PDB file of N, CA and C in Angstrom:
ATOM      1  N   ASP A   1       0.836  -1.184   0.000  1.00  0.00           N
ATOM      2  CA  ASP A   1       0.000   0.000   0.000  1.00  0.00           C
ATOM      3  C   ASP A   1       0.880   1.246   0.000  1.00  0.00           C
ATOM      4  N   THR A   2       0.448   2.252  -0.741  1.00  0.00           N
ATOM      5  CA  THR A   2       1.209   3.493  -0.852  1.00  0.00           C
ATOM      6  C   THR A   2       0.280   4.690  -0.767  1.00  0.00           C
ATOM      7  N   LEU A   3       0.693   5.679   0.012  1.00  0.00           N
ATOM      8  CA  LEU A   3      -0.001   6.964   0.049  1.00  0.00           C
ATOM      9  C   LEU A   3       0.674   7.909  -0.926  1.00  0.00           C
ATOM     10  N   THR A   4      -0.106   8.796  -1.533  1.00  0.00           N
ATOM     11  CA  THR A   4       0.442   9.840  -2.395  1.00  0.00           C
ATOM     12  C   THR A   4      -0.255  11.149  -2.068  1.00  0.00           C
ATOM     13  N   LEU A   5       0.528  12.163  -1.724  1.00  0.00           N
ATOM     14  CA  LEU A   5      -0.014  13.490  -1.456  1.00  0.00           C
ATOM     15  C   LEU A   5      -0.354  14.133  -2.789  1.00  0.00           C
ATOM     16  N   VAL A   6      -1.605  14.511  -2.964  1.00  0.00           N
ATOM     17  CA  VAL A   6      -2.068  15.095  -4.220  1.00  0.00           C
ATOM     18  C   VAL A   6      -1.964  16.613  -4.177  1.00  0.00           C
ATOM     19  N   ALA A   7      -2.271  17.223  -3.036  1.00  0.00           N
ATOM     20  CA  ALA A   7      -2.215  18.681  -2.912  1.00  0.00           C
ATOM     21  C   ALA A   7      -2.062  19.062  -1.449  1.00  0.00           C
ATOM     22  N   SER A   8      -1.462  20.217  -1.225  1.00  0.00           N
ATOM     23  CA  SER A   8      -1.391  20.802   0.122  1.00  0.00           C
ATOM     24  C   SER A   8      -1.477  22.312  -0.043  1.00  0.00           C
ATOM     25  N   THR A   9      -2.535  22.893   0.484  1.00  0.00           N
ATOM     26  CA  THR A   9      -2.775  24.322   0.328  1.00  0.00           C
ATOM     27  C   THR A   9      -2.824  24.967   1.704  1.00  0.00           C
ATOM     28  N   ALA A  10      -1.979  25.957   1.916  1.00  0.00           N
ATOM     29  CA  ALA A  10      -1.930  26.652   3.200  1.00  0.00           C
ATOM     30  C   ALA A  10      -2.938  27.790   3.244  1.00  0.00           C
ATOM     31  N   ALA A  11      -3.411  28.091   4.448  1.00  0.00           N
ATOM     32  CA  ALA A  11      -4.274  29.251   4.661  1.00  0.00           C
ATOM     33  C   ALA A  11      -3.450  30.522   4.465  1.00  0.00           C
ATOM     34  N   ALA A  12      -4.134  31.633   4.284  1.00  0.00           N
ATOM     35  CA  ALA A  12      -3.454  32.921   4.112  1.00  0.00           C
ATOM     36  C   ALA A  12      -2.515  33.178   5.290  1.00  0.00           C
ATOM     37  N   GLY A  13      -1.294  33.607   4.993  1.00  0.00           N
ATOM     38  CA  GLY A  13      -0.309  33.894   6.023  1.00  0.00           C
ATOM     39  C   GLY A  13       0.557  32.716   6.412  1.00  0.00           C
ATOM     40  N   PHE A  14       0.286  31.546   5.839  1.00  0.00           N
ATOM     41  CA  PHE A  14       1.056  30.342   6.135  1.00  0.00           C
ATOM     42  C   PHE A  14       1.835  29.893   4.901  1.00  0.00           C
ATOM     43  N   THR A  15       2.947  29.218   5.132  1.00  0.00           N
ATOM     44  CA  THR A  15       3.692  28.566   4.056  1.00  0.00           C
ATOM     45  C   THR A  15       3.510  27.062   4.203  1.00  0.00           C
ATOM     46  N   THR A  16       3.801  26.349   3.132  1.00  0.00           N
ATOM     47  CA  THR A  16       3.693  24.892   3.117  1.00  0.00           C
ATOM     48  C   THR A  16       5.044  24.295   2.771  1.00  0.00           C
ATOM     49  N   GLU A  17       5.467  23.306   3.537  1.00  0.00           N
ATOM     50  CA  GLU A  17       6.682  22.560   3.230  1.00  0.00           C
ATOM     51  C   GLU A  17       6.337  21.077   3.242  1.00  0.00           C
ATOM     52  N   VAL A  18       6.426  20.442   2.083  1.00  0.00           N
ATOM     53  CA  VAL A  18       6.166  19.004   1.988  1.00  0.00           C
ATOM     54  C   VAL A  18       7.447  18.283   2.376  1.00  0.00           C
ATOM     55  N   LYS A  19       7.374  17.521   3.448  1.00  0.00           N
ATOM     56  CA  LYS A  19       8.537  16.781   3.944  1.00  0.00           C
ATOM     57  C   LYS A  19       8.640  15.404   3.295  1.00  0.00           C
ATOM     58  N   HIS A  20       7.471  14.781   3.008  1.00  0.00           N
ATOM     59  CA  HIS A  20       7.452  13.443   2.406  1.00  0.00           C
ATOM     60  C   HIS A  20       6.139  13.304   1.659  1.00  0.00           C
ATOM     61  N   SER A  21       6.195  13.045   0.352  1.00  0.00           N
ATOM     62  CA  SER A  21       4.974  13.113  -0.462  1.00  0.00           C
ATOM     63  C   SER A  21       4.405  11.768  -0.902  1.00  0.00           C
ATOM     64  N   SER A  22       5.108  10.664  -0.652  1.00  0.00           N
ATOM     65  CA  SER A  22       4.546   9.365  -1.034  1.00  0.00           C
ATOM     66  C   SER A  22       5.272   8.243  -0.311  1.00  0.00           C
ATOM     67  N   GLY A  23       4.644   7.084  -0.350  1.00  0.00           N
ATOM     68  CA  GLY A  23       5.215   5.907   0.296  1.00  0.00           C
ATOM     69  C   GLY A  23       4.345   5.459   1.448  1.00  0.00           C
ATOM     70  N   GLY A  24       4.965   5.004   2.512  1.00  0.00           N
ATOM     71  CA  GLY A  24       4.244   4.526   3.680  1.00  0.00           C
ATOM     72  C   GLY A  24       3.686   5.635   4.546  1.00  0.00           C
ATOM     73  N   HIS A  25       4.147   6.880   4.305  1.00  0.00           N
ATOM     74  CA  HIS A  25       3.591   8.029   5.019  1.00  0.00           C
ATOM     75  C   HIS A  25       3.757   9.286   4.183  1.00  0.00           C
ATOM     76  N   VAL A  26       2.934  10.282   4.486  1.00  0.00           N
ATOM     77  CA  VAL A  26       3.088  11.621   3.913  1.00  0.00           C
ATOM     78  C   VAL A  26       3.186  12.595   5.078  1.00  0.00           C
ATOM     79  N   GLU A  27       3.946  13.680   4.862  1.00  0.00           N
ATOM     80  CA  GLU A  27       4.175  14.630   5.946  1.00  0.00           C
ATOM     81  C   GLU A  27       4.295  16.035   5.378  1.00  0.00           C
ATOM     82  N   VAL A  28       3.552  16.972   5.984  1.00  0.00           N
ATOM     83  CA  VAL A  28       3.528  18.361   5.530  1.00  0.00           C
ATOM     84  C   VAL A  28       3.627  19.272   6.745  1.00  0.00           C
ATOM     85  N   ARG A  29       4.374  20.381   6.604  1.00  0.00           N
ATOM     86  CA  ARG A  29       4.451  21.407   7.648  1.00  0.00           C
ATOM     87  C   ARG A  29       3.805  22.681   7.124  1.00  0.00           C
ATOM     88  N   PHE A  30       2.902  23.249   7.928  1.00  0.00           N
ATOM     89  CA  PHE A  30       2.287  24.546   7.655  1.00  0.00           C
ATOM     90  C   PHE A  30       2.819  25.504   8.716  1.00  0.00           C
ATOM     91  N   GLU A  31       3.308  26.683   8.268  1.00  0.00           N
ATOM     92  CA  GLU A  31       3.983  27.563   9.211  1.00  0.00           C
ATOM     93  C   GLU A  31       3.663  29.027   8.923  1.00  0.00           C
ATOM     94  N   SER A  32       3.436  29.788  10.011  1.00  0.00           N
ATOM     95  CA  SER A  32       3.270  31.236   9.918  1.00  0.00           C
ATOM     96  C   SER A  32       4.307  31.872  10.840  1.00  0.00           C
ATOM     97  N   ASP A  33       4.243  33.190  10.986  1.00  0.00           N
ATOM     98  CA  ASP A  33       5.171  33.864  11.895  1.00  0.00           C
ATOM     99  C   ASP A  33       4.967  33.435  13.347  1.00  0.00           C
ATOM    100  N   ALA A  34       3.754  33.002  13.689  1.00  0.00           N
ATOM    101  CA  ALA A  34       3.435  32.714  15.086  1.00  0.00           C
ATOM    102  C   ALA A  34       3.053  31.264  15.375  1.00  0.00           C
ATOM    103  N   HIS A  35       2.880  30.439  14.342  1.00  0.00           N
ATOM    104  CA  HIS A  35       2.324  29.099  14.573  1.00  0.00           C
ATOM    105  C   HIS A  35       2.897  28.083  13.584  1.00  0.00           C
ATOM    106  N   ARG A  36       2.971  26.830  14.048  1.00  0.00           N
ATOM    107  CA  ARG A  36       3.426  25.728  13.194  1.00  0.00           C
ATOM    108  C   ARG A  36       2.509  24.526  13.399  1.00  0.00           C
ATOM    109  N   THR A  37       2.130  23.888  12.290  1.00  0.00           N
ATOM    110  CA  THR A  37       1.385  22.633  12.335  1.00  0.00           C
ATOM    111  C   THR A  37       2.132  21.605  11.501  1.00  0.00           C
ATOM    112  N   ASP A  38       2.475  20.486  12.126  1.00  0.00           N
ATOM    113  CA  ASP A  38       3.062  19.358  11.410  1.00  0.00           C
ATOM    114  C   ASP A  38       1.975  18.307  11.253  1.00  0.00           C
ATOM    115  N   ALA A  39       1.712  17.921  10.013  1.00  0.00           N
ATOM    116  CA  ALA A  39       0.681  16.932   9.709  1.00  0.00           C
ATOM    117  C   ALA A  39       1.347  15.701   9.099  1.00  0.00           C
ATOM    118  N   ARG A  40       1.059  14.545   9.671  1.00  0.00           N
ATOM    119  CA  ARG A  40       1.621  13.292   9.161  1.00  0.00           C
ATOM    120  C   ARG A  40       0.511  12.250   9.111  1.00  0.00           C
ATOM    121  N   VAL A  41       0.483  11.499   8.009  1.00  0.00           N
ATOM    122  CA  VAL A  41      -0.446  10.381   7.868  1.00  0.00           C
ATOM    123  C   VAL A  41       0.383   9.148   7.532  1.00  0.00           C
ATOM    124  N   ASP A  42       0.217   8.096   8.332  1.00  0.00           N
ATOM    125  CA  ASP A  42       0.901   6.821   8.114  1.00  0.00           C
ATOM    126  C   ASP A  42      -0.094   5.804   7.589  1.00  0.00           C
ATOM    127  N   LEU A  43       0.383   4.911   6.736  1.00  0.00           N
ATOM    128  CA  LEU A  43      -0.431   3.821   6.218  1.00  0.00           C
ATOM    129  C   LEU A  43       0.174   2.510   6.700  1.00  0.00           C
ATOM    130  N   VAL A  44      -0.572   1.801   7.561  1.00  0.00           N
ATOM    131  CA  VAL A  44      -0.096   0.540   8.128  1.00  0.00           C
ATOM    132  C   VAL A  44      -1.182  -0.508   7.928  1.00  0.00           C
ATOM    133  N   ASN A  45      -0.846  -1.559   7.188  1.00  0.00           N
ATOM    134  CA  ASN A  45      -1.791  -2.650   6.913  1.00  0.00           C
ATOM    135  C   ASN A  45      -3.109  -2.141   6.339  1.00  0.00           C
ATOM    136  N   GLY A  46      -3.017  -1.157   5.442  1.00  0.00           N
ATOM    137  CA  GLY A  46      -4.199  -0.635   4.769  1.00  0.00           C
ATOM    138  C   GLY A  46      -5.012   0.367   5.567  1.00  0.00           C
ATOM    139  N   THR A  47      -4.536   0.730   6.757  1.00  0.00           N
ATOM    140  CA  THR A  47      -5.249   1.680   7.609  1.00  0.00           C
ATOM    141  C   THR A  47      -4.445   2.965   7.745  1.00  0.00           C
ATOM    142  N   MET A  48      -5.113   4.108   7.514  1.00  0.00           N
ATOM    143  CA  MET A  48      -4.451   5.400   7.665  1.00  0.00           C
ATOM    144  C   MET A  48      -4.600   5.889   9.102  1.00  0.00           C
ATOM    145  N   THR A  49      -3.493   6.390   9.651  1.00  0.00           N
ATOM    146  CA  THR A  49      -3.482   6.979  10.984  1.00  0.00           C
ATOM    147  C   THR A  49      -2.885   8.370  10.870  1.00  0.00           C
ATOM    148  N   ASN A  50      -3.609   9.384  11.382  1.00  0.00           N
ATOM    149  CA  ASN A  50      -3.078  10.741  11.277  1.00  0.00           C
ATOM    150  C   ASN A  50      -2.536  11.222  12.611  1.00  0.00           C
ATOM    151  N   ASN A  51      -1.591  12.143  12.512  1.00  0.00           N
ATOM    152  CA  ASN A  51      -0.977  12.754  13.682  1.00  0.00           C
ATOM    153  C   ASN A  51      -0.728  14.221  13.348  1.00  0.00           C
ATOM    154  N   PHE A  52      -1.310  15.116  14.145  1.00  0.00           N
ATOM    155  CA  PHE A  52      -1.127  16.547  13.952  1.00  0.00           C
ATOM    156  C   PHE A  52      -0.491  17.130  15.207  1.00  0.00           C
ATOM    157  N   THR A  53       0.591  17.883  15.026  1.00  0.00           N
ATOM    158  CA  THR A  53       1.274  18.530  16.134  1.00  0.00           C
ATOM    159  C   THR A  53       1.200  20.034  15.931  1.00  0.00           C
ATOM    160  N   GLU A  54       0.640  20.738  16.911  1.00  0.00           N
ATOM    161  CA  GLU A  54       0.498  22.192  16.865  1.00  0.00           C
ATOM    162  C   GLU A  54       1.492  22.808  17.841  1.00  0.00           C
ATOM    163  N   SER A  55       2.155  23.894  17.434  1.00  0.00           N
ATOM    164  CA  SER A  55       3.071  24.558  18.350  1.00  0.00           C
ATOM    165  C   SER A  55       3.243  26.027  17.967  1.00  0.00           C
ATOM    166  N   PRO A  56       3.496  26.877  18.979  1.00  0.00           N
ATOM    167  CA  PRO A  56       3.828  28.266  18.675  1.00  0.00           C
ATOM    168  C   PRO A  56       5.250  28.328  18.142  1.00  0.00           C
ATOM    169  N   ARG A  57       5.570  29.409  17.473  1.00  0.00           N
ATOM    170  CA  ARG A  57       6.939  29.575  16.967  1.00  0.00           C
ATOM    171  C   ARG A  57       7.706  30.505  17.844  1.00  0.00           C
TER     172      ARG A  57
END
């Protein structure tokens, strides 16, 4: 099983950095002057599991 990131669009004032776009997981960072969100989705045995980490900058 393989995940493929098709698109990642940041809200106004945020940038997008794709860390990993395909394979067993995809990972994207959204960042502004004051906030960071790291989004990761893993695919294990056909099941997707997401993990979002929010932090101030």
